[in-house]
Amino acid sequence: MNEDTESAFRFAPDADGSTNMAHDQASTILAVCVVHQQNAGFKNYIDLRRVECPSCSAAGFNTGWGYWLFACGAEILSDGEVGAGCQHTQPSGPSGGDQHE
């Protein structure tokens, strides 16, 4: 996740007897994107579709603001243009096709 995302959101600290999903990048980026969706006016609609970064296969979700945000820091605009590049340099698998629409 990029520094802007990390500084914009606070997550609950670890506690005894519970699993803190904030340590899981895919869960964290999903939570951030759902907050963005609500701020974008999605109301009771939540888009939980998961896509993969075409460079490294990191999890990504719809922000509701016209782009997909990925755990690797990449941002892919809805029209397919790259807003911010992947922070990882080595591809780790296939992207699964054209899924950034």
C-alpha atoms as a PDB file:
ATOM      1  CA  MET A   1       0.000   0.000   0.000  1.00  0.00           C
ATOM      2  CA  ASN A   2       1.264   3.494  -0.683  1.00  0.00           C
ATOM      3  CA  GLU A   3       2.155   6.063   1.975  1.00  0.00           C
ATOM      4  CA  ASP A   4      -0.882   8.258   1.191  1.00  0.00           C
ATOM      5  CA  THR A   5      -3.249   5.387   1.950  1.00  0.00           C
ATOM      6  CA  GLU A   6      -1.401   4.439   5.119  1.00  0.00           C
ATOM      7  CA  SER A   7      -1.455   8.004   6.450  1.00  0.00           C
ATOM      8  CA  ALA A   8      -5.101   8.629   5.535  1.00  0.00           C
ATOM      9  CA  PHE A   9      -6.554   5.692   7.467  1.00  0.00           C
ATOM     10  CA  ARG A  10      -6.053   4.400  10.991  1.00  0.00           C
ATOM     11  CA  PHE A  11      -6.635   0.763  11.858  1.00  0.00           C
ATOM     12  CA  ALA A  12      -7.433  -0.719  15.261  1.00  0.00           C
ATOM     13  CA  PRO A  13      -4.392  -2.010  17.158  1.00  0.00           C
ATOM     14  CA  ASP A  14      -3.779  -5.683  17.813  1.00  0.00           C
ATOM     15  CA  ALA A  15      -5.663  -7.104  20.791  1.00  0.00           C
ATOM     16  CA  ASP A  16      -5.496 -10.361  22.716  1.00  0.00           C
ATOM     17  CA  GLY A  17      -7.670 -13.111  21.292  1.00  0.00           C
ATOM     18  CA  SER A  18      -8.406 -11.457  17.961  1.00  0.00           C
ATOM     19  CA  THR A  19      -6.908 -11.599  14.502  1.00  0.00           C
ATOM     20  CA  ASN A  20      -5.992  -8.185  13.154  1.00  0.00           C
ATOM     21  CA  MET A  21      -6.632  -8.280   9.423  1.00  0.00           C
ATOM     22  CA  ALA A  22      -4.833  -4.935   8.990  1.00  0.00           C
ATOM     23  CA  HIS A  23      -1.651  -6.992   8.613  1.00  0.00           C
ATOM     24  CA  ASP A  24      -3.114  -8.654   5.496  1.00  0.00           C
ATOM     25  CA  GLN A  25      -2.589  -6.306   2.537  1.00  0.00           C
ATOM     26  CA  ALA A  26      -5.572  -7.609   0.560  1.00  0.00           C
ATOM     27  CA  SER A  27      -7.938  -7.134   3.519  1.00  0.00           C
ATOM     28  CA  THR A  28      -6.543  -3.695   4.261  1.00  0.00           C
ATOM     29  CA  ILE A  29      -6.847  -2.463   0.684  1.00  0.00           C
ATOM     30  CA  LEU A  30     -10.423  -3.824   0.551  1.00  0.00           C
ATOM     31  CA  ALA A  31     -11.338  -1.884   3.701  1.00  0.00           C
ATOM     32  CA  VAL A  32      -9.788   1.304   2.310  1.00  0.00           C
ATOM     33  CA  CYS A  33     -11.626   0.897  -1.003  1.00  0.00           C
ATOM     34  CA  VAL A  34     -14.986   0.321   0.700  1.00  0.00           C
ATOM     35  CA  VAL A  35     -14.486   3.569   2.646  1.00  0.00           C
ATOM     36  CA  HIS A  36     -13.658   5.324  -0.647  1.00  0.00           C
ATOM     37  CA  GLN A  37     -16.795   3.829  -2.237  1.00  0.00           C
ATOM     38  CA  GLN A  38     -18.950   5.182   0.574  1.00  0.00           C
ATOM     39  CA  ASN A  39     -17.336   8.627   0.287  1.00  0.00           C
ATOM     40  CA  ALA A  40     -17.947   8.490  -3.483  1.00  0.00           C
ATOM     41  CA  GLY A  41     -21.672   8.082  -2.840  1.00  0.00           C
ATOM     42  CA  PHE A  42     -22.179   4.343  -3.349  1.00  0.00           C
ATOM     43  CA  LYS A  43     -24.606   4.410  -0.344  1.00  0.00           C
ATOM     44  CA  ASN A  44     -25.666   0.817   0.399  1.00  0.00           C
ATOM     45  CA  TYR A  45     -23.853  -0.600  -2.667  1.00  0.00           C
ATOM     46  CA  ILE A  46     -20.456  -2.192  -1.990  1.00  0.00           C
ATOM     47  CA  ASP A  47     -18.264  -3.417  -4.848  1.00  0.00           C
ATOM     48  CA  LEU A  48     -16.232  -6.383  -3.539  1.00  0.00           C
ATOM     49  CA  ARG A  49     -14.902  -7.517  -6.924  1.00  0.00           C
ATOM     50  CA  ARG A  50     -11.217  -8.362  -6.582  1.00  0.00           C
ATOM     51  CA  VAL A  51      -8.864  -7.889  -9.521  1.00  0.00           C
ATOM     52  CA  GLU A  52      -5.126  -8.446  -9.804  1.00  0.00           C
ATOM     53  CA  CYS A  53      -2.342  -6.041 -10.664  1.00  0.00           C
ATOM     54  CA  PRO A  54      -1.222  -6.858 -14.215  1.00  0.00           C
ATOM     55  CA  SER A  55       2.436  -6.620 -13.130  1.00  0.00           C
ATOM     56  CA  CYS A  56       2.574  -8.526  -9.825  1.00  0.00           C
ATOM     57  CA  SER A  57      -0.908 -10.014  -9.196  1.00  0.00           C
ATOM     58  CA  ALA A  58      -1.449  -7.992  -5.982  1.00  0.00           C
ATOM     59  CA  ALA A  59      -5.087  -7.636  -4.933  1.00  0.00           C
ATOM     60  CA  GLY A  60      -6.973  -4.582  -6.118  1.00  0.00           C
ATOM     61  CA  PHE A  61     -10.434  -3.154  -5.572  1.00  0.00           C
ATOM     62  CA  ASN A  62     -12.687  -0.435  -7.006  1.00  0.00           C
ATOM     63  CA  THR A  63     -12.408   2.889  -5.138  1.00  0.00           C
ATOM     64  CA  GLY A  64     -15.591   4.381  -6.537  1.00  0.00           C
ATOM     65  CA  TRP A  65     -13.615   7.358  -7.814  1.00  0.00           C
ATOM     66  CA  GLY A  66     -12.855   6.030 -11.299  1.00  0.00           C
ATOM     67  CA  TYR A  67      -9.842   3.883 -10.489  1.00  0.00           C
ATOM     68  CA  TRP A  68      -8.816   0.563  -8.973  1.00  0.00           C
ATOM     69  CA  LEU A  69      -6.356   0.629  -6.050  1.00  0.00           C
ATOM     70  CA  PHE A  70      -3.924  -2.264  -5.533  1.00  0.00           C
ATOM     71  CA  ALA A  71      -2.032  -3.543  -2.489  1.00  0.00           C
ATOM     72  CA  CYS A  72       1.237  -2.959  -4.392  1.00  0.00           C
ATOM     73  CA  GLY A  73       0.487   0.753  -4.747  1.00  0.00           C
ATOM     74  CA  ALA A  74      -0.657   0.623  -8.363  1.00  0.00           C
ATOM     75  CA  GLU A  75      -3.672   2.625  -9.472  1.00  0.00           C
ATOM     76  CA  ILE A  76      -5.417   1.676 -12.711  1.00  0.00           C
ATOM     77  CA  LEU A  77      -8.002   4.101 -14.057  1.00  0.00           C
ATOM     78  CA  SER A  78     -11.337   2.686 -15.201  1.00  0.00           C
ATOM     79  CA  ASP A  79     -10.365   3.313 -18.829  1.00  0.00           C
ATOM     80  CA  GLY A  80      -7.250   1.141 -18.371  1.00  0.00           C
ATOM     81  CA  GLU A  81      -4.705   3.963 -18.086  1.00  0.00           C
ATOM     82  CA  VAL A  82      -2.115   3.624 -15.325  1.00  0.00           C
ATOM     83  CA  GLY A  83      -2.445   6.322 -12.660  1.00  0.00           C
ATOM     84  CA  ALA A  84       0.381   5.040 -10.459  1.00  0.00           C
ATOM     85  CA  GLY A  85       2.753   2.202 -11.178  1.00  0.00           C
ATOM     86  CA  CYS A  86       3.244  -1.082  -9.365  1.00  0.00           C
ATOM     87  CA  GLN A  87       5.769  -0.858  -6.520  1.00  0.00           C
ATOM     88  CA  HIS A  88       6.977  -4.409  -7.226  1.00  0.00           C
ATOM     89  CA  THR A  89       9.488  -5.000  -9.976  1.00  0.00           C
ATOM     90  CA  GLN A  90       9.139  -8.755 -10.538  1.00  0.00           C
ATOM     91  CA  PRO A  91       5.931 -10.183 -12.045  1.00  0.00           C
ATOM     92  CA  SER A  92       4.603 -13.057  -9.961  1.00  0.00           C
ATOM     93  CA  GLY A  93       1.933 -14.451 -12.232  1.00  0.00           C
ATOM     94  CA  PRO A  94      -0.641 -13.793 -14.942  1.00  0.00           C
ATOM     95  CA  SER A  95      -3.015 -10.868 -14.602  1.00  0.00           C
ATOM     96  CA  GLY A  96      -6.074 -12.917 -15.498  1.00  0.00           C
ATOM     97  CA  GLY A  97      -6.975 -10.927 -18.582  1.00  0.00           C
ATOM     98  CA  ASP A  98      -8.599  -7.545 -19.067  1.00  0.00           C
ATOM     99  CA  GLN A  99     -10.133  -7.074 -15.652  1.00  0.00           C
ATOM    100  CA  HIS A 100      -9.665  -3.338 -15.099  1.00  0.00           C
ATOM    101  CA  GLU A 101     -12.899  -2.147 -16.666  1.00  0.00           C
END
